[in-house]
N, C-alpha and C. Protein backbone atom coordinates (compact mmCIF):
# COMPACT_ATOMS: atom_id res chain seq x y z
N MET A 1 136.40 156.87 -137.70
CA MET A 1 135.05 156.66 -138.19
C MET A 1 134.07 157.14 -137.12
N LYS A 2 133.10 157.89 -137.55
CA LYS A 2 132.12 158.47 -136.63
C LYS A 2 130.96 157.49 -136.45
N GLY A 3 130.51 157.29 -135.23
CA GLY A 3 129.43 156.35 -134.97
C GLY A 3 128.08 157.05 -134.90
N GLY A 4 127.05 156.27 -134.71
CA GLY A 4 125.71 156.83 -134.56
C GLY A 4 124.89 156.80 -135.82
N ARG A 5 123.72 157.38 -135.72
CA ARG A 5 122.79 157.41 -136.84
C ARG A 5 123.26 158.43 -137.88
N PRO A 6 123.21 158.06 -139.17
CA PRO A 6 123.63 159.00 -140.21
C PRO A 6 122.68 160.21 -140.26
N PRO A 7 123.17 161.35 -140.72
CA PRO A 7 122.31 162.52 -140.82
C PRO A 7 121.13 162.25 -141.76
N MET A 8 119.97 162.79 -141.42
CA MET A 8 118.74 162.68 -142.20
C MET A 8 118.14 161.27 -142.21
N ALA A 9 118.68 160.34 -141.47
CA ALA A 9 118.10 158.99 -141.39
C ALA A 9 116.82 159.08 -140.55
N PRO A 10 115.79 158.31 -140.92
CA PRO A 10 114.54 158.39 -140.17
C PRO A 10 114.72 157.90 -138.74
N ASN A 11 114.15 158.64 -137.81
CA ASN A 11 114.20 158.19 -136.42
C ASN A 11 112.86 157.56 -136.07
N ARG A 12 112.69 157.18 -134.82
CA ARG A 12 111.47 156.50 -134.40
C ARG A 12 110.22 157.37 -134.63
N LEU A 13 110.31 158.66 -134.33
CA LEU A 13 109.16 159.55 -134.48
C LEU A 13 108.79 159.77 -135.95
N SER A 14 109.78 159.99 -136.81
CA SER A 14 109.46 160.21 -138.22
C SER A 14 108.91 158.94 -138.86
N ARG A 15 109.43 157.78 -138.45
CA ARG A 15 108.90 156.52 -138.95
C ARG A 15 107.46 156.32 -138.50
N LYS A 16 107.18 156.65 -137.23
CA LYS A 16 105.82 156.51 -136.70
C LYS A 16 104.85 157.42 -137.46
N ARG A 17 105.26 158.66 -137.74
CA ARG A 17 104.41 159.60 -138.48
C ARG A 17 104.16 159.09 -139.90
N ALA A 18 105.18 158.55 -140.54
CA ALA A 18 105.02 158.01 -141.89
C ALA A 18 104.04 156.84 -141.89
N MET A 19 104.13 155.97 -140.89
CA MET A 19 103.21 154.82 -140.81
C MET A 19 101.77 155.30 -140.58
N GLU A 20 101.59 156.35 -139.76
CA GLU A 20 100.25 156.89 -139.52
C GLU A 20 99.65 157.45 -140.81
N LEU A 21 100.46 158.17 -141.58
CA LEU A 21 99.98 158.73 -142.84
C LEU A 21 99.59 157.63 -143.82
N CYS A 22 100.39 156.58 -143.90
CA CYS A 22 100.08 155.47 -144.80
C CYS A 22 98.81 154.76 -144.37
N ALA A 23 98.60 154.63 -143.07
CA ALA A 23 97.40 153.95 -142.57
C ALA A 23 96.14 154.75 -142.90
N LYS A 24 96.26 156.07 -142.95
CA LYS A 24 95.10 156.93 -143.25
C LYS A 24 94.96 157.24 -144.75
N ASN A 25 95.77 156.62 -145.58
CA ASN A 25 95.79 156.91 -147.02
C ASN A 25 96.07 158.39 -147.28
N GLU A 26 96.99 158.95 -146.52
CA GLU A 26 97.36 160.35 -146.68
C GLU A 26 98.85 160.51 -147.00
N SER A 27 99.43 159.46 -147.53
CA SER A 27 100.85 159.56 -147.89
C SER A 27 100.97 160.47 -149.12
N PRO A 28 102.14 161.00 -149.38
CA PRO A 28 102.30 161.83 -150.58
C PRO A 28 101.89 161.11 -151.87
N LEU A 29 102.17 159.82 -151.95
CA LEU A 29 101.78 159.07 -153.13
C LEU A 29 100.26 158.97 -153.26
N ASP A 30 99.56 158.75 -152.13
CA ASP A 30 98.09 158.70 -152.16
C ASP A 30 97.52 160.03 -152.64
N ILE A 31 98.10 161.11 -152.18
CA ILE A 31 97.61 162.43 -152.57
C ILE A 31 97.87 162.67 -154.06
N MET A 32 99.04 162.24 -154.55
CA MET A 32 99.32 162.39 -155.99
C MET A 32 98.31 161.60 -156.82
N PHE A 33 98.01 160.37 -156.40
CA PHE A 33 97.02 159.57 -157.14
C PHE A 33 95.64 160.20 -157.09
N ASP A 34 95.25 160.70 -155.92
CA ASP A 34 93.95 161.36 -155.80
C ASP A 34 93.86 162.57 -156.71
N ASN A 35 94.92 163.37 -156.73
CA ASN A 35 94.94 164.54 -157.62
C ASN A 35 94.86 164.13 -159.08
N MET A 36 95.59 163.10 -159.45
CA MET A 36 95.56 162.64 -160.83
C MET A 36 94.15 162.21 -161.22
N LEU A 37 93.51 161.42 -160.34
CA LEU A 37 92.15 160.95 -160.64
C LEU A 37 91.15 162.10 -160.65
N PHE A 38 91.31 163.06 -159.75
CA PHE A 38 90.42 164.22 -159.72
C PHE A 38 90.48 164.98 -161.05
N TRP A 39 91.70 165.31 -161.49
CA TRP A 39 91.83 166.08 -162.73
C TRP A 39 91.41 165.27 -163.94
N HIS A 40 91.61 163.97 -163.89
CA HIS A 40 91.17 163.13 -165.00
C HIS A 40 89.64 163.12 -165.09
N ARG A 41 88.97 162.98 -163.95
CA ARG A 41 87.50 163.02 -163.95
C ARG A 41 86.99 164.39 -164.39
N GLN A 42 87.65 165.45 -163.89
CA GLN A 42 87.26 166.81 -164.29
C GLN A 42 87.34 166.97 -165.81
N SER A 43 88.44 166.49 -166.40
CA SER A 43 88.60 166.65 -167.85
C SER A 43 87.55 165.84 -168.61
N LYS A 44 87.19 164.67 -168.10
CA LYS A 44 86.13 163.90 -168.77
C LYS A 44 84.80 164.63 -168.72
N ASP A 45 84.46 165.17 -167.54
CA ASP A 45 83.20 165.91 -167.39
C ASP A 45 83.18 167.14 -168.28
N LEU A 46 84.28 167.90 -168.28
CA LEU A 46 84.36 169.10 -169.11
C LEU A 46 84.33 168.75 -170.59
N GLY A 47 84.95 167.65 -170.96
CA GLY A 47 84.92 167.21 -172.36
C GLY A 47 83.51 166.86 -172.81
N ALA A 48 82.75 166.21 -171.94
CA ALA A 48 81.36 165.87 -172.28
C ALA A 48 80.52 167.14 -172.43
N LYS A 49 80.72 168.11 -171.52
CA LYS A 49 79.98 169.38 -171.62
C LYS A 49 80.37 170.13 -172.89
N LEU A 50 81.65 170.11 -173.22
CA LEU A 50 82.13 170.80 -174.41
C LEU A 50 81.53 170.18 -175.68
N ASP A 51 81.46 168.86 -175.72
CA ASP A 51 80.84 168.19 -176.87
C ASP A 51 79.38 168.61 -177.02
N ALA A 52 78.66 168.70 -175.90
CA ALA A 52 77.24 169.07 -175.95
C ALA A 52 77.07 170.52 -176.41
N ILE A 53 77.94 171.41 -175.94
CA ILE A 53 77.81 172.82 -176.30
C ILE A 53 78.21 173.07 -177.75
N CYS A 54 79.21 172.36 -178.24
CA CYS A 54 79.71 172.60 -179.61
C CYS A 54 78.63 172.36 -180.66
N GLY A 55 77.72 171.46 -180.38
CA GLY A 55 76.64 171.20 -181.33
C GLY A 55 75.55 172.25 -181.31
N LYS A 56 75.56 173.15 -180.30
CA LYS A 56 74.49 174.13 -180.14
C LYS A 56 74.96 175.57 -180.28
N ILE A 57 76.13 175.82 -180.81
CA ILE A 57 76.63 177.20 -180.93
C ILE A 57 75.83 177.94 -181.99
N LYS A 58 75.20 179.06 -181.55
CA LYS A 58 74.38 179.84 -182.48
C LYS A 58 74.78 181.31 -182.50
N ASN A 59 75.41 181.79 -181.42
CA ASN A 59 75.78 183.20 -181.37
C ASN A 59 77.13 183.36 -180.66
N ASP A 60 77.56 184.61 -180.50
CA ASP A 60 78.86 184.88 -179.90
C ASP A 60 78.93 184.47 -178.43
N ASP A 61 77.82 184.60 -177.71
CA ASP A 61 77.81 184.20 -176.31
C ASP A 61 78.05 182.70 -176.17
N ASP A 62 77.42 181.91 -177.04
CA ASP A 62 77.64 180.46 -177.03
C ASP A 62 79.09 180.13 -177.38
N ARG A 63 79.64 180.88 -178.35
CA ARG A 63 81.02 180.64 -178.77
C ARG A 63 81.98 180.97 -177.62
N ARG A 64 81.75 182.09 -176.92
CA ARG A 64 82.59 182.46 -175.80
C ARG A 64 82.51 181.42 -174.68
N GLU A 65 81.31 180.94 -174.42
CA GLU A 65 81.14 179.91 -173.39
C GLU A 65 81.90 178.64 -173.78
N ALA A 66 81.82 178.27 -175.04
CA ALA A 66 82.52 177.08 -175.52
C ALA A 66 84.04 177.26 -175.42
N MET A 67 84.52 178.45 -175.75
CA MET A 67 85.96 178.70 -175.66
C MET A 67 86.44 178.67 -174.21
N SER A 68 85.64 179.23 -173.30
CA SER A 68 85.98 179.20 -171.88
C SER A 68 86.03 177.76 -171.38
N LEU A 69 85.04 176.97 -171.78
CA LEU A 69 84.98 175.56 -171.38
C LEU A 69 86.16 174.79 -171.97
N ALA A 70 86.54 175.13 -173.21
CA ALA A 70 87.68 174.46 -173.85
C ALA A 70 88.97 174.76 -173.09
N ARG A 71 89.13 176.01 -172.63
CA ARG A 71 90.31 176.37 -171.85
C ARG A 71 90.37 175.57 -170.53
N MET A 72 89.23 175.49 -169.86
CA MET A 72 89.18 174.73 -168.61
C MET A 72 89.45 173.25 -168.87
N PHE A 73 88.92 172.72 -169.97
CA PHE A 73 89.13 171.32 -170.34
C PHE A 73 90.63 171.05 -170.56
N LEU A 74 91.27 171.92 -171.34
CA LEU A 74 92.70 171.73 -171.61
C LEU A 74 93.54 171.87 -170.34
N SER A 75 93.17 172.79 -169.48
CA SER A 75 93.89 172.97 -168.22
C SER A 75 93.75 171.71 -167.35
N ALA A 76 92.54 171.15 -167.29
CA ALA A 76 92.33 169.92 -166.51
C ALA A 76 93.15 168.77 -167.08
N ARG A 77 93.21 168.67 -168.42
CA ARG A 77 94.00 167.60 -169.05
C ARG A 77 95.49 167.78 -168.72
N GLU A 78 95.97 169.02 -168.76
CA GLU A 78 97.38 169.27 -168.44
C GLU A 78 97.68 168.92 -166.98
N ASN A 79 96.77 169.27 -166.09
CA ASN A 79 96.97 168.94 -164.67
C ASN A 79 96.97 167.43 -164.45
N ALA A 80 96.07 166.73 -165.12
CA ALA A 80 96.03 165.26 -165.01
C ALA A 80 97.34 164.66 -165.53
N GLN A 81 97.83 165.20 -166.65
CA GLN A 81 99.09 164.71 -167.22
C GLN A 81 100.25 164.95 -166.26
N ARG A 82 100.31 166.13 -165.66
CA ARG A 82 101.38 166.45 -164.73
C ARG A 82 101.36 165.51 -163.54
N CYS A 83 100.17 165.25 -163.01
CA CYS A 83 100.06 164.33 -161.87
C CYS A 83 100.44 162.91 -162.27
N ALA A 84 100.05 162.50 -163.47
CA ALA A 84 100.37 161.15 -163.93
C ALA A 84 101.88 160.98 -164.09
N VAL A 85 102.55 162.01 -164.57
CA VAL A 85 104.01 161.95 -164.71
C VAL A 85 104.67 161.80 -163.34
N ASP A 86 104.12 162.50 -162.34
CA ASP A 86 104.68 162.37 -160.98
C ASP A 86 104.45 160.98 -160.40
N CYS A 87 103.31 160.35 -160.72
CA CYS A 87 102.97 159.04 -160.16
C CYS A 87 103.62 157.88 -160.91
N ALA A 88 103.94 158.08 -162.16
CA ALA A 88 104.41 156.98 -163.02
C ALA A 88 105.59 156.19 -162.45
N PRO A 89 106.62 156.83 -161.90
CA PRO A 89 107.75 156.04 -161.40
C PRO A 89 107.37 155.08 -160.28
N TYR A 90 106.27 155.34 -159.57
CA TYR A 90 105.85 154.47 -158.49
C TYR A 90 105.01 153.30 -158.97
N VAL A 91 104.56 153.37 -160.22
CA VAL A 91 103.66 152.35 -160.76
C VAL A 91 104.34 151.52 -161.85
N HIS A 92 105.09 152.18 -162.71
CA HIS A 92 105.72 151.51 -163.84
C HIS A 92 107.23 151.51 -163.69
N ALA A 93 107.83 150.37 -163.97
CA ALA A 93 109.29 150.28 -163.92
C ALA A 93 109.89 151.11 -165.04
N LYS A 94 111.00 151.76 -164.75
CA LYS A 94 111.65 152.56 -165.77
C LYS A 94 112.41 151.63 -166.71
N LEU A 95 112.22 151.83 -167.99
CA LEU A 95 112.90 151.00 -168.97
C LEU A 95 114.38 151.37 -169.02
N GLN A 96 115.20 150.37 -169.12
CA GLN A 96 116.63 150.58 -169.19
C GLN A 96 117.08 150.60 -170.64
N ALA A 97 118.04 151.44 -170.93
CA ALA A 97 118.60 151.48 -172.27
C ALA A 97 119.56 150.30 -172.40
N VAL A 98 119.30 149.46 -173.38
CA VAL A 98 120.12 148.27 -173.60
C VAL A 98 120.62 148.30 -175.04
N HIS A 99 121.88 148.03 -175.21
CA HIS A 99 122.46 148.02 -176.55
C HIS A 99 122.34 146.62 -177.14
N HIS A 100 121.64 146.51 -178.25
CA HIS A 100 121.49 145.22 -178.94
C HIS A 100 122.35 145.24 -180.19
N GLU A 101 123.00 144.14 -180.45
CA GLU A 101 123.80 144.03 -181.67
C GLU A 101 123.17 143.00 -182.58
N HIS A 102 121.98 143.31 -183.06
CA HIS A 102 121.32 142.43 -184.01
C HIS A 102 121.58 142.96 -185.40
N GLY A 103 121.64 142.09 -186.32
CA GLY A 103 121.86 142.52 -187.69
C GLY A 103 122.18 141.32 -188.55
N PRO A 104 122.38 141.59 -189.80
CA PRO A 104 122.66 140.48 -190.71
C PRO A 104 124.04 139.89 -190.44
N THR A 105 124.11 138.59 -190.50
CA THR A 105 125.40 137.91 -190.37
C THR A 105 125.50 136.89 -191.49
N GLY A 106 126.70 136.56 -191.86
CA GLY A 106 126.91 135.56 -192.89
C GLY A 106 127.42 136.18 -194.18
N ARG A 107 127.24 135.46 -195.29
CA ARG A 107 127.72 135.92 -196.60
C ARG A 107 126.55 136.25 -197.49
N TYR A 108 126.69 137.34 -198.24
CA TYR A 108 125.68 137.75 -199.20
C TYR A 108 126.35 137.85 -200.56
N ILE A 109 125.68 137.30 -201.57
CA ILE A 109 126.21 137.29 -202.92
C ILE A 109 125.41 138.30 -203.74
N ILE A 110 126.13 139.17 -204.45
CA ILE A 110 125.47 140.16 -205.29
C ILE A 110 125.62 139.69 -206.73
N ALA A 111 124.49 139.40 -207.34
CA ALA A 111 124.49 138.93 -208.73
C ALA A 111 123.22 139.41 -209.40
N ASP A 112 123.22 139.42 -210.73
CA ASP A 112 122.05 139.90 -211.46
C ASP A 112 121.03 138.80 -211.72
N ARG A 113 121.36 137.56 -211.31
CA ARG A 113 120.43 136.45 -211.49
C ARG A 113 120.71 135.40 -210.43
N PRO A 114 119.78 134.50 -210.16
CA PRO A 114 120.06 133.43 -209.20
C PRO A 114 121.20 132.54 -209.71
N MET A 115 122.09 132.15 -208.80
CA MET A 115 123.24 131.34 -209.19
C MET A 115 123.46 130.23 -208.16
N THR A 116 124.02 129.14 -208.63
CA THR A 116 124.43 128.09 -207.71
C THR A 116 125.79 128.48 -207.13
N GLU A 117 126.22 127.76 -206.11
CA GLU A 117 127.49 128.10 -205.49
C GLU A 117 128.65 127.92 -206.46
N GLU A 118 128.57 126.87 -207.28
CA GLU A 118 129.65 126.65 -208.25
C GLU A 118 129.72 127.79 -209.27
N GLU A 119 128.54 128.29 -209.70
CA GLU A 119 128.53 129.38 -210.69
C GLU A 119 129.14 130.66 -210.11
N TRP A 120 128.78 130.99 -208.89
CA TRP A 120 129.32 132.25 -208.38
C TRP A 120 130.81 132.15 -208.07
N ILE A 121 131.30 130.91 -207.77
CA ILE A 121 132.75 130.74 -207.59
C ILE A 121 133.45 130.88 -208.93
N ARG A 122 132.86 130.25 -209.96
CA ARG A 122 133.45 130.27 -211.29
C ARG A 122 133.45 131.69 -211.87
N GLU A 123 132.37 132.44 -211.68
CA GLU A 123 132.25 133.78 -212.26
C GLU A 123 132.78 134.88 -211.33
N ARG A 124 133.31 134.47 -210.19
CA ARG A 124 133.87 135.41 -209.23
C ARG A 124 132.87 136.53 -208.89
N ALA A 125 131.70 136.11 -208.45
CA ALA A 125 130.66 137.06 -208.06
C ALA A 125 131.11 137.81 -206.81
N THR A 126 130.56 138.98 -206.65
CA THR A 126 130.91 139.80 -205.49
C THR A 126 130.28 139.18 -204.25
N VAL A 127 131.10 138.93 -203.25
CA VAL A 127 130.63 138.35 -202.00
C VAL A 127 130.90 139.36 -200.88
N ILE A 128 129.87 139.63 -200.11
CA ILE A 128 130.02 140.52 -198.96
C ILE A 128 129.91 139.66 -197.71
N ASP A 129 130.95 139.67 -196.91
CA ASP A 129 130.96 138.89 -195.68
C ASP A 129 130.65 139.82 -194.51
N VAL A 130 129.54 139.59 -193.86
CA VAL A 130 129.17 140.44 -192.72
C VAL A 130 129.18 139.66 -191.42
N THR A 131 129.96 138.61 -191.37
CA THR A 131 130.08 137.84 -190.15
C THR A 131 130.85 138.67 -189.13
N PRO A 132 130.30 138.85 -187.93
CA PRO A 132 130.99 139.69 -186.94
C PRO A 132 132.29 139.05 -186.49
N GLU A 133 133.28 139.91 -186.25
CA GLU A 133 134.57 139.43 -185.75
C GLU A 133 134.52 139.38 -184.24
N ASN A 134 135.04 138.32 -183.66
CA ASN A 134 135.03 138.19 -182.20
C ASN A 134 136.28 138.74 -181.59
């Protein structure tokens, strides 16, 4: 068995640098959040401008300006989405796939009219048993 620090394990200097970055709010996660918020604000501003311009389109120049603004708006929304996807694992727990075995259990009687238990025994009504086997 080989002793010592495992390869790629943080040493004193890398740990110190990481702590400095976190203290200055310059960690990779801080930058991802800042980028997400920047693009989200940009898309809101561009969306408001686009709404204002769409009501005033009178000629081809206005239409071209609106289309250009729409492209920038969609690009900002896509960038915000990309940043949010990168940040999500640090904020929201990942849902685990769990298998549930819920369903009907017991006996079901198929008949063309309501029947008492004695009637369905006497008339040999169709009974479906869906009780799970252990």
